[in-house]
Amino acid sequence: MIERFVVDSGAYETWLAGHQDQYVINAERILNPDNLVLHRATCRTINGTPAHGATWVGSYVKLVGTREELETAHPAARPCRQCL
């Protein structure tokens, strides 16, 4: 089941800690199909300490689930160049 993290970065970080075998789509709030990036949950670009700011969510949202769920729901998502 796909979950969406929009406001609570702590909930997203808790989800990551318990789902290292899952996947994340990093997206603009409006889910612009031209800017959806699929990552492994372990990817350093969406996990750990945020490079810009103090939170992982805000202007961007995180959609999380299995790779199959995310690719089926958002076929326009492109794979991350760092982890996939």
C-alpha atoms as a PDB file:
ATOM      1  CA  MET A   1       0.000   0.000   0.000  1.00  0.00           C
ATOM      2  CA  ILE A   2       1.422   3.380  -1.017  1.00  0.00           C
ATOM      3  CA  GLU A   3       1.771   5.919   1.778  1.00  0.00           C
ATOM      4  CA  ARG A   4       2.294   9.663   1.326  1.00  0.00           C
ATOM      5  CA  PHE A   5       4.378  11.860   3.616  1.00  0.00           C
ATOM      6  CA  VAL A   6       3.520  15.537   3.166  1.00  0.00           C
ATOM      7  CA  VAL A   7       4.098  17.283   6.486  1.00  0.00           C
ATOM      8  CA  ASP A   8       5.715  15.017   9.079  1.00  0.00           C
ATOM      9  CA  SER A   9       9.386  14.426   8.297  1.00  0.00           C
ATOM     10  CA  GLY A  10       9.733  12.414  11.524  1.00  0.00           C
ATOM     11  CA  ALA A  11       7.075   9.927  10.378  1.00  0.00           C
ATOM     12  CA  TYR A  12       8.877   9.603   7.035  1.00  0.00           C
ATOM     13  CA  GLU A  13      12.203   8.964   8.770  1.00  0.00           C
ATOM     14  CA  THR A  14      10.553   6.356  11.027  1.00  0.00           C
ATOM     15  CA  TRP A  15       9.084   4.663   7.952  1.00  0.00           C
ATOM     16  CA  LEU A  16      12.534   4.602   6.293  1.00  0.00           C
ATOM     17  CA  ALA A  17      14.117   2.988   9.342  1.00  0.00           C
ATOM     18  CA  GLY A  18      11.635   0.125   9.208  1.00  0.00           C
ATOM     19  CA  HIS A  19      11.451  -0.333   5.441  1.00  0.00           C
ATOM     20  CA  GLN A  20      14.982  -0.320   4.035  1.00  0.00           C
ATOM     21  CA  ASP A  21      13.906  -2.861   1.406  1.00  0.00           C
ATOM     22  CA  GLN A  22      11.189  -0.564  -0.007  1.00  0.00           C
ATOM     23  CA  TYR A  23      11.162   2.374  -2.446  1.00  0.00           C
ATOM     24  CA  VAL A  24      10.414   6.105  -2.405  1.00  0.00           C
ATOM     25  CA  ILE A  25       9.209   8.533  -5.044  1.00  0.00           C
ATOM     26  CA  ASN A  26      10.400  12.058  -4.350  1.00  0.00           C
ATOM     27  CA  ALA A  27       7.947  14.498  -5.914  1.00  0.00           C
ATOM     28  CA  GLU A  28       6.811  18.091  -5.985  1.00  0.00           C
ATOM     29  CA  ARG A  29       3.605  18.586  -4.010  1.00  0.00           C
ATOM     30  CA  ILE A  30       1.599  18.822  -7.238  1.00  0.00           C
ATOM     31  CA  LEU A  31       2.983  15.430  -8.382  1.00  0.00           C
ATOM     32  CA  ASN A  32       4.310  16.883 -11.609  1.00  0.00           C
ATOM     33  CA  PRO A  33       4.842  13.777 -13.782  1.00  0.00           C
ATOM     34  CA  ASP A  34       7.975  15.368 -15.252  1.00  0.00           C
ATOM     35  CA  ASN A  35       9.611  15.532 -11.825  1.00  0.00           C
ATOM     36  CA  LEU A  36       8.990  12.156 -10.152  1.00  0.00           C
ATOM     37  CA  VAL A  37      12.129  10.292  -9.103  1.00  0.00           C
ATOM     38  CA  LEU A  38      12.094   6.698  -7.855  1.00  0.00           C
ATOM     39  CA  HIS A  39      14.689   5.797  -5.203  1.00  0.00           C
ATOM     40  CA  ARG A  40      15.617   2.825  -3.059  1.00  0.00           C
ATOM     41  CA  ALA A  41      14.755   3.649   0.567  1.00  0.00           C
ATOM     42  CA  THR A  42      18.484   3.404   1.320  1.00  0.00           C
ATOM     43  CA  CYS A  43      19.447   6.120  -1.192  1.00  0.00           C
ATOM     44  CA  ARG A  44      21.554   8.830   0.423  1.00  0.00           C
ATOM     45  CA  THR A  45      19.683  11.525  -1.521  1.00  0.00           C
ATOM     46  CA  ILE A  46      16.391  10.834   0.334  1.00  0.00           C
ATOM     47  CA  ASN A  47      17.674   9.302   3.582  1.00  0.00           C
ATOM     48  CA  GLY A  48      19.833  10.481   6.486  1.00  0.00           C
ATOM     49  CA  THR A  49      20.392  14.211   6.994  1.00  0.00           C
ATOM     50  CA  PRO A  50      18.631  16.492   4.476  1.00  0.00           C
ATOM     51  CA  ALA A  51      21.136  18.327   2.264  1.00  0.00           C
ATOM     52  CA  HIS A  52      18.897  21.395   1.989  1.00  0.00           C
ATOM     53  CA  GLY A  53      16.947  22.534   5.022  1.00  0.00           C
ATOM     54  CA  ALA A  54      15.898  20.672   8.123  1.00  0.00           C
ATOM     55  CA  THR A  55      13.175  18.427   6.740  1.00  0.00           C
ATOM     56  CA  TRP A  56      12.642  15.846   4.012  1.00  0.00           C
ATOM     57  CA  VAL A  57       9.074  16.929   3.359  1.00  0.00           C
ATOM     58  CA  GLY A  58       7.544  20.338   2.789  1.00  0.00           C
ATOM     59  CA  SER A  59       7.847  21.608  -0.755  1.00  0.00           C
ATOM     60  CA  TYR A  60       8.445  17.976  -1.755  1.00  0.00           C
ATOM     61  CA  VAL A  61       6.447  14.921  -0.756  1.00  0.00           C
ATOM     62  CA  LYS A  62       7.488  11.312  -0.395  1.00  0.00           C
ATOM     63  CA  LEU A  63       5.409   8.461  -1.780  1.00  0.00           C
ATOM     64  CA  VAL A  64       6.529   5.132  -0.346  1.00  0.00           C
ATOM     65  CA  GLY A  65       5.840   1.472  -1.029  1.00  0.00           C
ATOM     66  CA  THR A  66       7.098  -1.427  -3.085  1.00  0.00           C
ATOM     67  CA  ARG A  67       8.744  -0.740  -6.416  1.00  0.00           C
ATOM     68  CA  GLU A  68       5.874  -2.442  -8.240  1.00  0.00           C
ATOM     69  CA  GLU A  69       3.224  -0.369  -6.428  1.00  0.00           C
ATOM     70  CA  LEU A  70       5.003   2.900  -7.119  1.00  0.00           C
ATOM     71  CA  GLU A  71       5.814   2.150 -10.772  1.00  0.00           C
ATOM     72  CA  THR A  72       2.237   1.002 -11.419  1.00  0.00           C
ATOM     73  CA  ALA A  73       0.722   4.117  -9.826  1.00  0.00           C
ATOM     74  CA  HIS A  74       3.319   6.523 -11.304  1.00  0.00           C
ATOM     75  CA  PRO A  75       4.762   5.074 -14.526  1.00  0.00           C
ATOM     76  CA  ALA A  76       6.378   8.418 -15.402  1.00  0.00           C
ATOM     77  CA  ALA A  77       8.742   8.186 -12.408  1.00  0.00           C
ATOM     78  CA  ARG A  78      12.337   8.009 -13.561  1.00  0.00           C
ATOM     79  CA  PRO A  79      14.958   6.000 -11.681  1.00  0.00           C
ATOM     80  CA  CYS A  80      17.448   7.793  -9.473  1.00  0.00           C
ATOM     81  CA  ARG A  81      20.909   7.990 -11.031  1.00  0.00           C
ATOM     82  CA  GLN A  82      22.532   7.376  -7.635  1.00  0.00           C
ATOM     83  CA  CYS A  83      20.765   4.210  -6.492  1.00  0.00           C
ATOM     84  CA  LEU A  84      18.961   2.501  -9.381  1.00  0.00           C
END
